[in-house]
Amino acid sequence: MSRENVEIVRQLYDAIDRGDTTAVLGLYDPEIEWHFARSPFRNLVRHDVYRGRDGLRDFIRERYEDAWESITDELVELIDAGEHVISIVNTQGRGRRSGAQAEKTHAGVWTIRDGKVVQVVWFPGREEALEAAGLSE
């Protein structure tokens, strides 16, 4: 099952690259939770946790319409972590208000049940994500 979970996260990033919001939202459970309390981008979002697909839509709107003039995510690596998938992502963007360039590699721990993403917790880096998923380098 874990290889299938890795493929679900890969499909999600592919849909993001295509700008296919319908496909993106379809890969999430209706009760999805996105956690940003430990994210390096915490100061650019309004909530520590976004819940449900409506919450995810709010996050997407905040990210693309409020915080960033331009932003891209490059998927660097996906790690099979048993019941979790860890994504290592390099994000580059230009702040909407400040015009400042930002670049940061960060990590997400994805939990998938019944073929849908039920939770994503964002961390400042690979080591924190591996630890949260019960792995260590």
C-alpha atoms as a PDB file:
ATOM      1  CA  MET A   1       0.000   0.000   0.000  1.00  0.00           C
ATOM      2  CA  SER A   2       2.810   2.446   0.746  1.00  0.00           C
ATOM      3  CA  ARG A   3       4.032   2.458  -2.872  1.00  0.00           C
ATOM      4  CA  GLU A   4       0.460   3.353  -3.895  1.00  0.00           C
ATOM      5  CA  ASN A   5       0.513   6.183  -1.355  1.00  0.00           C
ATOM      6  CA  VAL A   6       3.719   7.565  -2.870  1.00  0.00           C
ATOM      7  CA  GLU A   7       2.033   7.483  -6.275  1.00  0.00           C
ATOM      8  CA  ILE A   8      -0.980   9.430  -4.930  1.00  0.00           C
ATOM      9  CA  VAL A   9       1.304  12.223  -3.674  1.00  0.00           C
ATOM     10  CA  ARG A  10       3.168  12.206  -7.013  1.00  0.00           C
ATOM     11  CA  GLN A  11      -0.178  12.528  -8.851  1.00  0.00           C
ATOM     12  CA  LEU A  12      -1.057  15.456  -6.628  1.00  0.00           C
ATOM     13  CA  TYR A  13       2.136  17.326  -7.479  1.00  0.00           C
ATOM     14  CA  ASP A  14       1.632  16.559 -11.177  1.00  0.00           C
ATOM     15  CA  ALA A  15      -1.893  18.016 -10.974  1.00  0.00           C
ATOM     16  CA  ILE A  16      -0.533  21.108  -9.207  1.00  0.00           C
ATOM     17  CA  ASP A  17       2.042  21.554 -12.000  1.00  0.00           C
ATOM     18  CA  ARG A  18      -0.769  21.362 -14.576  1.00  0.00           C
ATOM     19  CA  GLY A  19      -2.896  23.847 -12.616  1.00  0.00           C
ATOM     20  CA  ASP A  20      -5.644  21.222 -12.344  1.00  0.00           C
ATOM     21  CA  THR A  21      -7.383  22.322  -9.122  1.00  0.00           C
ATOM     22  CA  THR A  22     -10.236  19.843  -9.643  1.00  0.00           C
ATOM     23  CA  ALA A  23      -7.792  16.907  -9.759  1.00  0.00           C
ATOM     24  CA  VAL A  24      -5.889  18.285  -6.756  1.00  0.00           C
ATOM     25  CA  LEU A  25      -9.017  18.608  -4.620  1.00  0.00           C
ATOM     26  CA  GLY A  26     -10.211  15.167  -5.751  1.00  0.00           C
ATOM     27  CA  LEU A  27      -7.149  13.516  -4.208  1.00  0.00           C
ATOM     28  CA  TYR A  28      -7.962  14.913  -0.761  1.00  0.00           C
ATOM     29  CA  ASP A  29     -10.390  13.404   1.731  1.00  0.00           C
ATOM     30  CA  PRO A  30     -13.349  15.735   2.408  1.00  0.00           C
ATOM     31  CA  GLU A  31     -12.061  16.105   6.001  1.00  0.00           C
ATOM     32  CA  ILE A  32      -8.451  16.888   5.012  1.00  0.00           C
ATOM     33  CA  GLU A  33      -6.292  18.712   7.563  1.00  0.00           C
ATOM     34  CA  TRP A  34      -3.275  20.793   6.537  1.00  0.00           C
ATOM     35  CA  HIS A  35      -1.012  21.753   9.475  1.00  0.00           C
ATOM     36  CA  PHE A  36       1.296  24.780   9.227  1.00  0.00           C
ATOM     37  CA  ALA A  37       2.326  25.437  12.847  1.00  0.00           C
ATOM     38  CA  ARG A  38       5.884  24.199  12.125  1.00  0.00           C
ATOM     39  CA  SER A  39       6.046  25.284   8.488  1.00  0.00           C
ATOM     40  CA  PRO A  40       8.771  27.732   7.487  1.00  0.00           C
ATOM     41  CA  PHE A  41       5.967  29.656   5.731  1.00  0.00           C
ATOM     42  CA  ARG A  42       3.766  29.891   8.858  1.00  0.00           C
ATOM     43  CA  ASN A  43       3.914  33.693   8.882  1.00  0.00           C
ATOM     44  CA  LEU A  44       2.426  33.788   5.357  1.00  0.00           C
ATOM     45  CA  VAL A  45      -0.776  31.870   6.136  1.00  0.00           C
ATOM     46  CA  ARG A  46      -3.735  32.870   8.282  1.00  0.00           C
ATOM     47  CA  HIS A  47      -4.247  29.593  10.143  1.00  0.00           C
ATOM     48  CA  ASP A  48      -2.149  26.907  11.802  1.00  0.00           C
ATOM     49  CA  VAL A  49      -4.602  24.298  10.510  1.00  0.00           C
ATOM     50  CA  TYR A  50      -6.838  24.314   7.421  1.00  0.00           C
ATOM     51  CA  ARG A  51      -9.699  21.804   7.611  1.00  0.00           C
ATOM     52  CA  GLY A  52     -11.801  20.255   4.883  1.00  0.00           C
ATOM     53  CA  ARG A  53     -11.829  21.027   1.196  1.00  0.00           C
ATOM     54  CA  ASP A  54     -13.231  24.500   1.892  1.00  0.00           C
ATOM     55  CA  GLY A  55     -10.257  25.163   4.168  1.00  0.00           C
ATOM     56  CA  LEU A  56      -7.939  23.906   1.455  1.00  0.00           C
ATOM     57  CA  ARG A  57      -9.598  26.241  -1.059  1.00  0.00           C
ATOM     58  CA  ASP A  58      -9.054  29.117   1.411  1.00  0.00           C
ATOM     59  CA  PHE A  59      -5.372  28.189   1.681  1.00  0.00           C
ATOM     60  CA  ILE A  60      -4.987  28.039  -2.104  1.00  0.00           C
ATOM     61  CA  ARG A  61      -6.644  31.441  -2.477  1.00  0.00           C
ATOM     62  CA  GLU A  62      -4.456  32.969   0.256  1.00  0.00           C
ATOM     63  CA  ARG A  63      -1.313  31.494  -1.237  1.00  0.00           C
ATOM     64  CA  TYR A  64      -1.855  32.446  -4.863  1.00  0.00           C
ATOM     65  CA  GLU A  65      -3.901  35.627  -4.511  1.00  0.00           C
ATOM     66  CA  ASP A  66      -2.752  37.174  -1.229  1.00  0.00           C
ATOM     67  CA  ALA A  67       0.767  36.164  -0.202  1.00  0.00           C
ATOM     68  CA  TRP A  68       2.640  35.574  -3.435  1.00  0.00           C
ATOM     69  CA  GLU A  69       2.963  37.463  -6.699  1.00  0.00           C
ATOM     70  CA  SER A  70       4.470  34.299  -8.139  1.00  0.00           C
ATOM     71  CA  ILE A  71       5.279  30.941  -6.567  1.00  0.00           C
ATOM     72  CA  THR A  72       6.488  27.540  -7.723  1.00  0.00           C
ATOM     73  CA  ASP A  73       6.989  24.249  -5.932  1.00  0.00           C
ATOM     74  CA  GLU A  74       9.585  21.805  -7.188  1.00  0.00           C
ATOM     75  CA  LEU A  75       9.139  18.287  -5.879  1.00  0.00           C
ATOM     76  CA  VAL A  76      12.660  17.180  -4.995  1.00  0.00           C
ATOM     77  CA  GLU A  77      11.965  13.777  -3.477  1.00  0.00           C
ATOM     78  CA  LEU A  78       9.224  11.473  -2.219  1.00  0.00           C
ATOM     79  CA  ILE A  79      10.085   9.090   0.607  1.00  0.00           C
ATOM     80  CA  ASP A  80       8.040   5.987   1.384  1.00  0.00           C
ATOM     81  CA  ALA A  81       7.620   6.091   5.165  1.00  0.00           C
ATOM     82  CA  GLY A  82       5.237   3.185   5.686  1.00  0.00           C
ATOM     83  CA  GLU A  83       1.858   4.677   6.491  1.00  0.00           C
ATOM     84  CA  HIS A  84       3.194   8.126   5.568  1.00  0.00           C
ATOM     85  CA  VAL A  85       4.800   9.726   2.548  1.00  0.00           C
ATOM     86  CA  ILE A  86       7.376  12.463   3.012  1.00  0.00           C
ATOM     87  CA  SER A  87       7.740  15.105   0.333  1.00  0.00           C
ATOM     88  CA  ILE A  88      10.842  17.248   0.069  1.00  0.00           C
ATOM     89  CA  VAL A  89       9.876  20.414  -1.773  1.00  0.00           C
ATOM     90  CA  ASN A  90      11.799  23.462  -2.926  1.00  0.00           C
ATOM     91  CA  THR A  91       9.513  26.498  -2.994  1.00  0.00           C
ATOM     92  CA  GLN A  92      10.488  29.711  -4.774  1.00  0.00           C
ATOM     93  CA  GLY A  93       8.406  32.841  -4.870  1.00  0.00           C
ATOM     94  CA  ARG A  94       8.155  36.612  -4.901  1.00  0.00           C
ATOM     95  CA  GLY A  95       6.132  38.251  -2.134  1.00  0.00           C
ATOM     96  CA  ARG A  96       3.074  40.140  -3.319  1.00  0.00           C
ATOM     97  CA  ARG A  97       3.517  43.116  -0.964  1.00  0.00           C
ATOM     98  CA  SER A  98       7.265  43.164  -0.445  1.00  0.00           C
ATOM     99  CA  GLY A  99       8.429  42.008  -3.854  1.00  0.00           C
ATOM    100  CA  ALA A 100      11.098  40.041  -1.994  1.00  0.00           C
ATOM    101  CA  GLN A 101      12.348  36.782  -3.448  1.00  0.00           C
ATOM    102  CA  ALA A 102      12.150  33.749  -1.165  1.00  0.00           C
ATOM    103  CA  GLU A 103      13.401  30.214  -1.578  1.00  0.00           C
ATOM    104  CA  LYS A 104      13.132  27.413   0.931  1.00  0.00           C
ATOM    105  CA  THR A 105      13.378  23.646   0.881  1.00  0.00           C
ATOM    106  CA  HIS A 106      10.879  22.161   3.322  1.00  0.00           C
ATOM    107  CA  ALA A 107       9.115  18.863   3.959  1.00  0.00           C
ATOM    108  CA  GLY A 108       5.592  17.535   4.320  1.00  0.00           C
ATOM    109  CA  VAL A 109       4.400  14.366   6.026  1.00  0.00           C
ATOM    110  CA  TRP A 110       1.378  13.054   4.140  1.00  0.00           C
ATOM    111  CA  THR A 111      -1.092  10.574   5.630  1.00  0.00           C
ATOM    112  CA  ILE A 112      -3.269   8.678   3.167  1.00  0.00           C
ATOM    113  CA  ARG A 113      -6.263   6.451   3.897  1.00  0.00           C
ATOM    114  CA  ASP A 114      -8.439   4.663   1.376  1.00  0.00           C
ATOM    115  CA  GLY A 115      -6.661   6.367  -1.506  1.00  0.00           C
ATOM    116  CA  LYS A 116      -7.220   9.940  -0.244  1.00  0.00           C
ATOM    117  CA  VAL A 117      -4.917  12.352   1.571  1.00  0.00           C
ATOM    118  CA  VAL A 118      -6.344  12.867   5.076  1.00  0.00           C
ATOM    119  CA  GLN A 119      -3.563  14.972   6.625  1.00  0.00           C
ATOM    120  CA  VAL A 120      -0.456  16.930   5.666  1.00  0.00           C
ATOM    121  CA  VAL A 121       1.896  18.330   8.307  1.00  0.00           C
ATOM    122  CA  TRP A 122       4.593  20.749   7.119  1.00  0.00           C
ATOM    123  CA  PHE A 123       8.075  20.967   8.653  1.00  0.00           C
ATOM    124  CA  PRO A 124      11.099  23.213   8.111  1.00  0.00           C
ATOM    125  CA  GLY A 125      13.207  20.376   6.776  1.00  0.00           C
ATOM    126  CA  ARG A 126      13.837  16.748   5.997  1.00  0.00           C
ATOM    127  CA  GLU A 127      15.133  15.728   9.436  1.00  0.00           C
ATOM    128  CA  GLU A 128      12.053  17.009  11.277  1.00  0.00           C
ATOM    129  CA  ALA A 129       9.743  15.247   8.818  1.00  0.00           C
ATOM    130  CA  LEU A 130      11.636  11.952   9.077  1.00  0.00           C
ATOM    131  CA  GLU A 131      11.471  12.143  12.855  1.00  0.00           C
ATOM    132  CA  ALA A 132       7.746  12.926  12.806  1.00  0.00           C
ATOM    133  CA  ALA A 133       7.164   9.898  10.555  1.00  0.00           C
ATOM    134  CA  GLY A 134       9.125   7.648  12.918  1.00  0.00           C
ATOM    135  CA  LEU A 135      12.245   7.458  10.751  1.00  0.00           C
ATOM    136  CA  SER A 136      15.727   8.761  11.279  1.00  0.00           C
ATOM    137  CA  GLU A 137      18.700   9.116   8.963  1.00  0.00           C
END
